């Protein structure tokens, strides 16, 4: 099992408050990474920030945004044949990010 994370900074913070656009971004990223979406949940907070989660056959993909900080956090918890780099690359590009910090934690089960 792997946890891939990305903390991204964007130039246009309005993308971080666009729930429909963020939903489309996560679906595009999931498709690029070869994962199967089996459910979803999204919530918009009073500040315009969005938390969105795609439930995957391979675990989950989530985004949390803070428009007031022009910042987003993306987590992909996955196992099996998932191209996590492509997933995060698609999110990075579609957010119009100008910088990001990425990390990977590999977990052993058992």
N, C-alpha and C. Protein backbone atom coordinates (compact mmCIF):
# COMPACT_ATOMS: atom_id res chain seq x y z
N UNK A 1 0.84 -1.16 0.00
CA UNK A 1 0.00 0.00 0.00
C UNK A 1 0.89 1.24 0.00
N UNK A 2 0.47 2.26 -0.74
CA UNK A 2 1.25 3.50 -0.82
C UNK A 2 0.34 4.69 -0.53
N UNK A 3 0.92 5.69 0.12
CA UNK A 3 0.26 6.96 0.30
C UNK A 3 1.10 8.00 -0.41
N UNK A 4 0.55 8.55 -1.49
CA UNK A 4 1.19 9.63 -2.23
C UNK A 4 0.46 10.91 -1.89
N UNK A 5 1.20 11.94 -1.50
CA UNK A 5 0.59 13.21 -1.15
C UNK A 5 1.22 14.34 -1.94
N UNK A 6 0.44 15.40 -2.10
CA UNK A 6 0.94 16.60 -2.75
C UNK A 6 0.31 17.80 -2.07
N UNK A 7 1.15 18.73 -1.65
CA UNK A 7 0.70 20.03 -1.17
C UNK A 7 1.06 21.02 -2.26
N UNK A 8 0.03 21.63 -2.86
CA UNK A 8 0.23 22.49 -4.02
C UNK A 8 -0.16 23.93 -3.73
N UNK A 9 0.57 24.84 -4.35
CA UNK A 9 0.26 26.27 -4.32
C UNK A 9 -0.17 26.69 -5.72
N UNK A 10 -1.24 27.47 -5.79
CA UNK A 10 -1.80 27.87 -7.09
C UNK A 10 -1.74 29.39 -7.25
N UNK A 11 -1.79 29.83 -8.50
CA UNK A 11 -1.83 31.26 -8.79
C UNK A 11 -3.25 31.81 -8.69
N UNK A 12 -4.22 31.05 -9.19
CA UNK A 12 -5.62 31.48 -9.21
C UNK A 12 -6.41 30.70 -8.18
N UNK A 13 -6.60 31.30 -7.01
CA UNK A 13 -7.26 30.60 -5.90
C UNK A 13 -8.71 30.26 -6.19
N UNK A 14 -9.32 30.87 -7.21
CA UNK A 14 -10.73 30.57 -7.51
C UNK A 14 -10.92 29.11 -7.92
N UNK A 15 -9.90 28.47 -8.47
CA UNK A 15 -10.03 27.06 -8.84
C UNK A 15 -10.23 26.18 -7.61
N UNK A 16 -9.79 26.67 -6.47
CA UNK A 16 -9.87 25.89 -5.24
C UNK A 16 -11.25 25.96 -4.59
N UNK A 17 -12.10 26.85 -5.09
CA UNK A 17 -13.47 26.98 -4.58
C UNK A 17 -14.50 26.48 -5.58
N UNK A 18 -14.04 25.93 -6.68
CA UNK A 18 -14.92 25.44 -7.76
C UNK A 18 -15.15 23.95 -7.57
N UNK A 19 -16.20 23.60 -6.82
CA UNK A 19 -16.45 22.20 -6.47
C UNK A 19 -16.61 21.33 -7.72
N UNK A 20 -17.40 21.79 -8.68
CA UNK A 20 -17.61 21.00 -9.90
C UNK A 20 -16.30 20.81 -10.67
N UNK A 21 -15.49 21.86 -10.74
CA UNK A 21 -14.20 21.75 -11.41
C UNK A 21 -13.25 20.81 -10.70
N UNK A 22 -13.26 20.85 -9.36
CA UNK A 22 -12.40 19.95 -8.60
C UNK A 22 -12.86 18.50 -8.76
N UNK A 23 -14.16 18.30 -8.81
CA UNK A 23 -14.69 16.96 -9.05
C UNK A 23 -14.20 16.44 -10.41
N UNK A 24 -14.32 17.28 -11.44
CA UNK A 24 -13.84 16.90 -12.76
C UNK A 24 -12.34 16.61 -12.76
N UNK A 25 -11.60 17.40 -12.01
CA UNK A 25 -10.14 17.20 -11.91
C UNK A 25 -9.82 15.85 -11.29
N UNK A 26 -10.49 15.50 -10.20
CA UNK A 26 -10.22 14.21 -9.57
C UNK A 26 -10.58 13.05 -10.47
N UNK A 27 -11.71 13.16 -11.17
CA UNK A 27 -12.08 12.09 -12.10
C UNK A 27 -11.08 11.96 -13.24
N UNK A 28 -10.61 13.09 -13.78
CA UNK A 28 -9.60 13.04 -14.85
C UNK A 28 -8.31 12.42 -14.34
N UNK A 29 -7.91 12.78 -13.14
CA UNK A 29 -6.69 12.23 -12.54
C UNK A 29 -6.82 10.73 -12.30
N UNK A 30 -7.97 10.32 -11.79
CA UNK A 30 -8.20 8.89 -11.55
C UNK A 30 -8.10 8.11 -12.86
N UNK A 31 -8.72 8.64 -13.90
CA UNK A 31 -8.66 7.97 -15.20
C UNK A 31 -7.24 7.87 -15.72
N UNK A 32 -6.47 8.94 -15.56
CA UNK A 32 -5.08 8.94 -16.04
C UNK A 32 -4.23 7.94 -15.27
N UNK A 33 -4.56 7.71 -14.01
CA UNK A 33 -3.78 6.80 -13.18
C UNK A 33 -4.21 5.35 -13.25
N UNK A 34 -5.28 5.09 -13.99
CA UNK A 34 -5.73 3.71 -14.16
C UNK A 34 -6.49 3.14 -12.99
N UNK A 35 -7.22 4.00 -12.26
CA UNK A 35 -7.99 3.50 -11.13
C UNK A 35 -9.48 3.52 -11.45
N UNK A 36 -10.25 2.74 -10.69
CA UNK A 36 -11.69 2.64 -10.90
C UNK A 36 -12.41 3.31 -9.74
N UNK A 37 -13.23 4.31 -10.07
CA UNK A 37 -13.99 5.04 -9.07
C UNK A 37 -15.28 4.27 -8.76
N UNK A 38 -15.55 4.08 -7.45
CA UNK A 38 -16.77 3.37 -7.06
C UNK A 38 -17.68 4.20 -6.17
N UNK A 39 -17.27 5.44 -5.86
CA UNK A 39 -18.11 6.32 -5.06
C UNK A 39 -17.46 7.68 -4.91
N UNK A 40 -18.22 8.65 -4.38
CA UNK A 40 -17.68 9.99 -4.18
C UNK A 40 -18.43 10.73 -3.09
N UNK A 41 -17.78 11.74 -2.53
CA UNK A 41 -18.41 12.68 -1.60
C UNK A 41 -17.65 14.00 -1.70
N UNK A 42 -18.40 15.11 -1.74
CA UNK A 42 -17.80 16.44 -1.80
C UNK A 42 -18.55 17.36 -0.85
N UNK A 43 -17.80 18.30 -0.25
CA UNK A 43 -18.41 19.27 0.66
C UNK A 43 -17.74 20.62 0.46
N UNK A 44 -18.56 21.69 0.40
CA UNK A 44 -18.04 23.05 0.31
C UNK A 44 -18.21 23.71 1.68
N UNK A 45 -17.13 24.30 2.18
CA UNK A 45 -17.13 24.95 3.48
C UNK A 45 -17.48 26.44 3.33
N UNK A 46 -17.85 27.10 4.43
CA UNK A 46 -18.23 28.52 4.35
C UNK A 46 -17.16 29.43 3.73
N UNK A 47 -15.89 29.09 3.89
CA UNK A 47 -14.82 29.90 3.31
C UNK A 47 -14.62 29.62 1.82
N UNK A 48 -15.41 28.70 1.25
CA UNK A 48 -15.27 28.34 -0.16
C UNK A 48 -14.37 27.15 -0.38
N UNK A 49 -13.67 26.73 0.66
CA UNK A 49 -12.81 25.55 0.54
C UNK A 49 -13.65 24.30 0.28
N UNK A 50 -13.01 23.34 -0.35
CA UNK A 50 -13.69 22.11 -0.73
C UNK A 50 -12.91 20.91 -0.21
N UNK A 51 -13.63 19.93 0.30
CA UNK A 51 -13.07 18.61 0.54
C UNK A 51 -13.82 17.66 -0.38
N UNK A 52 -13.06 16.90 -1.16
CA UNK A 52 -13.65 15.93 -2.07
C UNK A 52 -12.91 14.61 -1.97
N UNK A 53 -13.67 13.54 -2.01
CA UNK A 53 -13.09 12.20 -1.91
C UNK A 53 -13.71 11.31 -2.97
N UNK A 54 -12.85 10.63 -3.72
CA UNK A 54 -13.29 9.56 -4.60
C UNK A 54 -12.93 8.25 -3.94
N UNK A 55 -13.92 7.42 -3.74
CA UNK A 55 -13.69 6.07 -3.24
C UNK A 55 -13.28 5.23 -4.44
N UNK A 56 -12.14 4.60 -4.36
CA UNK A 56 -11.58 3.82 -5.47
C UNK A 56 -11.62 2.34 -5.15
N UNK A 57 -11.67 1.55 -6.17
CA UNK A 57 -11.52 0.10 -5.99
C UNK A 57 -10.15 -0.17 -5.35
N UNK A 58 -9.20 0.74 -5.58
CA UNK A 58 -7.84 0.60 -5.05
C UNK A 58 -7.61 1.41 -3.78
N UNK A 59 -8.60 2.05 -3.21
CA UNK A 59 -8.60 2.78 -1.94
C UNK A 59 -9.26 4.14 -2.10
N UNK A 60 -8.51 5.28 -2.04
CA UNK A 60 -9.19 6.58 -2.19
C UNK A 60 -8.25 7.66 -2.72
N UNK A 61 -8.88 8.70 -3.30
CA UNK A 61 -8.20 9.90 -3.78
C UNK A 61 -8.96 11.07 -3.17
N UNK A 62 -8.26 11.98 -2.50
CA UNK A 62 -8.94 13.10 -1.87
C UNK A 62 -8.23 14.41 -2.14
N UNK A 63 -9.01 15.50 -2.03
CA UNK A 63 -8.46 16.84 -2.14
C UNK A 63 -9.09 17.69 -1.03
N UNK A 64 -8.28 18.56 -0.47
CA UNK A 64 -8.72 19.52 0.54
C UNK A 64 -8.15 20.86 0.10
N UNK A 65 -9.01 21.90 0.00
CA UNK A 65 -8.52 23.18 -0.49
C UNK A 65 -8.72 24.30 0.53
N UNK A 66 -7.83 25.26 0.46
CA UNK A 66 -7.87 26.47 1.28
C UNK A 66 -7.68 27.65 0.34
N UNK A 67 -8.77 28.17 -0.24
CA UNK A 67 -8.65 29.28 -1.19
C UNK A 67 -7.95 30.50 -0.59
N UNK A 68 -8.19 30.77 0.69
CA UNK A 68 -7.58 31.94 1.32
C UNK A 68 -6.06 31.82 1.40
N UNK A 69 -5.54 30.61 1.28
CA UNK A 69 -4.09 30.38 1.29
C UNK A 69 -3.55 29.98 -0.08
N UNK A 70 -4.44 29.92 -1.08
CA UNK A 70 -4.07 29.47 -2.44
C UNK A 70 -3.37 28.12 -2.38
N UNK A 71 -3.92 27.22 -1.54
CA UNK A 71 -3.26 25.95 -1.25
C UNK A 71 -4.24 24.78 -1.33
N UNK A 72 -3.71 23.64 -1.76
CA UNK A 72 -4.50 22.41 -1.81
C UNK A 72 -3.63 21.24 -1.37
N UNK A 73 -4.28 20.27 -0.73
CA UNK A 73 -3.62 19.03 -0.36
C UNK A 73 -4.34 17.90 -1.08
N UNK A 74 -3.57 17.01 -1.70
CA UNK A 74 -4.12 15.85 -2.41
C UNK A 74 -3.50 14.60 -1.82
N UNK A 75 -4.33 13.61 -1.52
CA UNK A 75 -3.85 12.32 -1.01
C UNK A 75 -4.37 11.21 -1.89
N UNK A 76 -3.49 10.29 -2.24
CA UNK A 76 -3.87 9.09 -2.98
C UNK A 76 -3.35 7.90 -2.19
N UNK A 77 -4.27 7.18 -1.58
CA UNK A 77 -3.92 5.93 -0.90
C UNK A 77 -4.27 4.81 -1.86
N UNK A 78 -3.30 4.01 -2.23
CA UNK A 78 -3.55 3.02 -3.28
C UNK A 78 -2.74 1.75 -3.07
N UNK A 79 -3.15 0.75 -3.79
CA UNK A 79 -2.41 -0.50 -3.86
C UNK A 79 -2.57 -1.05 -5.27
N UNK A 80 -1.71 -1.96 -5.63
CA UNK A 80 -1.81 -2.55 -6.96
C UNK A 80 -1.22 -1.66 -8.04
N UNK A 81 -1.71 -1.85 -9.24
CA UNK A 81 -1.18 -1.19 -10.43
C UNK A 81 -1.83 0.18 -10.63
N UNK A 82 -1.33 1.17 -9.89
CA UNK A 82 -1.82 2.54 -9.96
C UNK A 82 -0.65 3.44 -10.31
N UNK A 83 -0.82 4.31 -11.31
CA UNK A 83 0.23 5.25 -11.69
C UNK A 83 0.02 6.54 -10.90
N UNK A 84 0.51 6.55 -9.67
CA UNK A 84 0.30 7.68 -8.77
C UNK A 84 0.92 8.96 -9.31
N UNK A 85 2.06 8.85 -9.97
CA UNK A 85 2.71 10.03 -10.53
C UNK A 85 1.78 10.72 -11.52
N UNK A 86 1.15 9.94 -12.39
CA UNK A 86 0.22 10.53 -13.37
C UNK A 86 -0.99 11.15 -12.69
N UNK A 87 -1.50 10.50 -11.66
CA UNK A 87 -2.64 11.06 -10.92
C UNK A 87 -2.29 12.45 -10.41
N UNK A 88 -1.17 12.56 -9.71
CA UNK A 88 -0.78 13.84 -9.14
C UNK A 88 -0.39 14.85 -10.21
N UNK A 89 0.21 14.40 -11.31
CA UNK A 89 0.55 15.31 -12.41
C UNK A 89 -0.70 15.95 -13.00
N UNK A 90 -1.76 15.16 -13.17
CA UNK A 90 -3.01 15.70 -13.72
C UNK A 90 -3.61 16.73 -12.78
N UNK A 91 -3.64 16.43 -11.50
CA UNK A 91 -4.19 17.39 -10.53
C UNK A 91 -3.35 18.67 -10.54
N UNK A 92 -2.04 18.54 -10.51
CA UNK A 92 -1.14 19.69 -10.53
C UNK A 92 -1.43 20.58 -11.73
N UNK A 93 -1.52 19.98 -12.90
CA UNK A 93 -1.74 20.75 -14.13
C UNK A 93 -3.12 21.41 -14.14
N UNK A 94 -4.13 20.66 -13.76
CA UNK A 94 -5.49 21.20 -13.82
C UNK A 94 -5.75 22.27 -12.77
N UNK A 95 -5.02 22.24 -11.66
CA UNK A 95 -5.13 23.31 -10.68
C UNK A 95 -4.37 24.56 -11.10
N UNK A 96 -3.50 24.42 -12.08
CA UNK A 96 -2.64 25.54 -12.46
C UNK A 96 -1.63 25.84 -11.37
N UNK A 97 -1.16 24.80 -10.71
CA UNK A 97 -0.21 24.97 -9.61
C UNK A 97 1.12 25.50 -10.12
N UNK A 98 1.77 26.30 -9.28
CA UNK A 98 3.09 26.80 -9.64
C UNK A 98 4.19 26.14 -8.82
N UNK A 99 3.79 25.46 -7.74
CA UNK A 99 4.76 24.70 -6.96
C UNK A 99 4.03 23.65 -6.15
N UNK A 100 4.77 22.62 -5.78
CA UNK A 100 4.18 21.55 -4.98
C UNK A 100 5.28 20.79 -4.26
N UNK A 101 4.90 20.24 -3.15
CA UNK A 101 5.75 19.32 -2.39
C UNK A 101 5.06 17.96 -2.43
N UNK A 102 5.76 16.96 -2.93
CA UNK A 102 5.19 15.62 -3.04
C UNK A 102 5.95 14.66 -2.14
N UNK A 103 5.21 13.68 -1.65
CA UNK A 103 5.88 12.64 -0.84
C UNK A 103 5.16 11.31 -1.05
N UNK A 104 5.88 10.24 -0.73
CA UNK A 104 5.32 8.89 -0.81
C UNK A 104 5.72 8.12 0.43
N UNK A 105 4.75 7.45 1.01
CA UNK A 105 5.01 6.56 2.13
C UNK A 105 4.52 5.18 1.69
N UNK A 106 5.40 4.20 1.76
CA UNK A 106 5.01 2.83 1.43
C UNK A 106 4.74 2.09 2.73
N UNK A 107 3.57 1.47 2.78
CA UNK A 107 3.17 0.74 3.98
C UNK A 107 3.19 -0.75 3.68
N UNK A 108 3.68 -1.51 4.61
CA UNK A 108 3.62 -2.94 4.48
C UNK A 108 2.42 -3.44 5.26
N UNK A 109 1.75 -4.42 4.72
CA UNK A 109 0.58 -4.98 5.38
C UNK A 109 0.93 -6.38 5.85
N UNK A 110 0.62 -6.63 7.12
CA UNK A 110 0.86 -7.97 7.65
C UNK A 110 2.06 -8.12 8.49
